[in-house]
Amino acid sequence: MAISNIRDMSNADFGTLDSTKHKHMIVYDATSDTFVIRDMDTVLSSDQVLDGDLPDDFVDQIEEELDVNDMTITSVDGGSF
């Protein structure tokens, strides 16, 4: 069965989704084996990101697993600035 709403995933623990979750992102928590919401500043301020050099094995894995030719993007909302 396809999931049409990410909240309906059985391994997601997002808590209450309201304005307090603004500027948060979904990450996988291997300890609890669930997808959770984390503050973007906390996630993106890790040493691996701040030093400007992502680990090669991470980049290799992303390149292997994501194929943009298989993606169908009908609409992109860039937010407001």
C-alpha atoms as a PDB file:
ATOM      1  CA  MET A   1       0.000   0.000   0.000  1.00  0.00           C
ATOM      2  CA  ALA A   2       1.370   3.404  -0.967  1.00  0.00           C
ATOM      3  CA  ILE A   3       1.615   6.097   1.691  1.00  0.00           C
ATOM      4  CA  SER A   4       0.028   9.351   0.550  1.00  0.00           C
ATOM      5  CA  ASN A   5       0.559  11.227   3.804  1.00  0.00           C
ATOM      6  CA  ILE A   6       3.904  11.034   5.584  1.00  0.00           C
ATOM      7  CA  ARG A   7       2.147  11.285   8.956  1.00  0.00           C
ATOM      8  CA  ASP A   8       0.568   7.890   8.235  1.00  0.00           C
ATOM      9  CA  MET A   9       3.911   6.089   8.162  1.00  0.00           C
ATOM     10  CA  SER A  10       4.130   3.496  10.906  1.00  0.00           C
ATOM     11  CA  ASN A  11       7.702   4.463  11.815  1.00  0.00           C
ATOM     12  CA  ALA A  12       7.174   8.233  12.092  1.00  0.00           C
ATOM     13  CA  ASP A  13       7.037  10.099  15.376  1.00  0.00           C
ATOM     14  CA  PHE A  14       6.396  13.760  14.573  1.00  0.00           C
ATOM     15  CA  GLY A  15       4.470  14.745  17.665  1.00  0.00           C
ATOM     16  CA  THR A  16       2.153  17.711  17.188  1.00  0.00           C
ATOM     17  CA  LEU A  17       2.709  19.395  13.833  1.00  0.00           C
ATOM     18  CA  ASP A  18       2.034  23.078  14.363  1.00  0.00           C
ATOM     19  CA  SER A  19       3.811  26.429  14.037  1.00  0.00           C
ATOM     20  CA  THR A  20       6.417  25.385  16.621  1.00  0.00           C
ATOM     21  CA  LYS A  21       7.796  22.952  14.029  1.00  0.00           C
ATOM     22  CA  HIS A  22       8.477  25.756  11.525  1.00  0.00           C
ATOM     23  CA  LYS A  23      12.038  25.500  10.171  1.00  0.00           C
ATOM     24  CA  HIS A  24      12.334  21.879  11.238  1.00  0.00           C
ATOM     25  CA  MET A  25      13.147  18.898   9.028  1.00  0.00           C
ATOM     26  CA  ILE A  26      12.470  15.185   8.960  1.00  0.00           C
ATOM     27  CA  VAL A  27      15.421  12.993   9.902  1.00  0.00           C
ATOM     28  CA  TYR A  28      15.823   9.306  10.568  1.00  0.00           C
ATOM     29  CA  ASP A  29      16.701   8.372  14.153  1.00  0.00           C
ATOM     30  CA  ALA A  30      18.491   5.019  14.014  1.00  0.00           C
ATOM     31  CA  THR A  31      18.274   4.572  17.795  1.00  0.00           C
ATOM     32  CA  SER A  32      14.468   4.568  17.797  1.00  0.00           C
ATOM     33  CA  ASP A  33      14.123   3.325  14.179  1.00  0.00           C
ATOM     34  CA  THR A  34      11.718   6.193  13.414  1.00  0.00           C
ATOM     35  CA  PHE A  35      11.541   9.359  11.403  1.00  0.00           C
ATOM     36  CA  VAL A  36      11.418  12.404  13.676  1.00  0.00           C
ATOM     37  CA  ILE A  37      11.297  16.195  13.378  1.00  0.00           C
ATOM     38  CA  ARG A  38      14.504  18.073  14.255  1.00  0.00           C
ATOM     39  CA  ASP A  39      15.458  21.751  14.214  1.00  0.00           C
ATOM     40  CA  MET A  40      17.271  22.507  10.928  1.00  0.00           C
ATOM     41  CA  ASP A  41      19.891  24.672  12.619  1.00  0.00           C
ATOM     42  CA  THR A  42      20.855  21.814  14.912  1.00  0.00           C
ATOM     43  CA  VAL A  43      21.047  19.250  12.117  1.00  0.00           C
ATOM     44  CA  LEU A  44      22.859  21.476   9.643  1.00  0.00           C
ATOM     45  CA  SER A  45      25.363  22.868  12.134  1.00  0.00           C
ATOM     46  CA  SER A  46      27.155  19.563  12.594  1.00  0.00           C
ATOM     47  CA  ASP A  47      30.914  19.582  11.984  1.00  0.00           C
ATOM     48  CA  GLN A  48      30.530  17.609   8.748  1.00  0.00           C
ATOM     49  CA  VAL A  49      28.414  20.356   7.229  1.00  0.00           C
ATOM     50  CA  LEU A  50      30.177  23.392   8.685  1.00  0.00           C
ATOM     51  CA  ASP A  51      33.620  22.389   7.477  1.00  0.00           C
ATOM     52  CA  GLY A  52      32.310  22.347   3.897  1.00  0.00           C
ATOM     53  CA  ASP A  53      33.442  18.785   3.280  1.00  0.00           C
ATOM     54  CA  LEU A  54      30.806  16.082   3.506  1.00  0.00           C
ATOM     55  CA  PRO A  55      32.190  12.581   4.065  1.00  0.00           C
ATOM     56  CA  ASP A  56      32.913  10.866   0.732  1.00  0.00           C
ATOM     57  CA  ASP A  57      31.047   7.698   1.713  1.00  0.00           C
ATOM     58  CA  PHE A  58      27.931   9.799   2.412  1.00  0.00           C
ATOM     59  CA  VAL A  59      28.148  11.534  -0.966  1.00  0.00           C
ATOM     60  CA  ASP A  60      28.744   8.210  -2.730  1.00  0.00           C
ATOM     61  CA  GLN A  61      25.711   6.639  -1.057  1.00  0.00           C
ATOM     62  CA  ILE A  62      23.452   9.570  -1.997  1.00  0.00           C
ATOM     63  CA  GLU A  63      24.665   9.437  -5.601  1.00  0.00           C
ATOM     64  CA  GLU A  64      23.956   5.686  -5.714  1.00  0.00           C
ATOM     65  CA  GLU A  65      20.501   5.845  -4.129  1.00  0.00           C
ATOM     66  CA  LEU A  66      19.026   8.937  -5.770  1.00  0.00           C
ATOM     67  CA  ASP A  67      18.314   9.072  -9.467  1.00  0.00           C
ATOM     68  CA  VAL A  68      16.797  12.412 -10.442  1.00  0.00           C
ATOM     69  CA  ASN A  69      15.650  10.847 -13.711  1.00  0.00           C
ATOM     70  CA  ASP A  70      13.230   8.695 -11.687  1.00  0.00           C
ATOM     71  CA  MET A  71      11.692  11.674  -9.876  1.00  0.00           C
ATOM     72  CA  THR A  72       8.459  13.325 -10.903  1.00  0.00           C
ATOM     73  CA  ILE A  73       8.245  16.847  -9.564  1.00  0.00           C
ATOM     74  CA  THR A  74       5.051  18.629 -10.517  1.00  0.00           C
ATOM     75  CA  SER A  75       5.393  21.631  -8.219  1.00  0.00           C
ATOM     76  CA  VAL A  76       8.111  23.199  -6.107  1.00  0.00           C
ATOM     77  CA  ASP A  77       7.331  25.719  -3.408  1.00  0.00           C
ATOM     78  CA  GLY A  78      10.434  27.702  -2.540  1.00  0.00           C
ATOM     79  CA  GLY A  79       8.688  29.543   0.275  1.00  0.00           C
ATOM     80  CA  SER A  80       8.969  33.260   0.723  1.00  0.00           C
ATOM     81  CA  PHE A  81      11.981  35.481   1.218  1.00  0.00           C
END
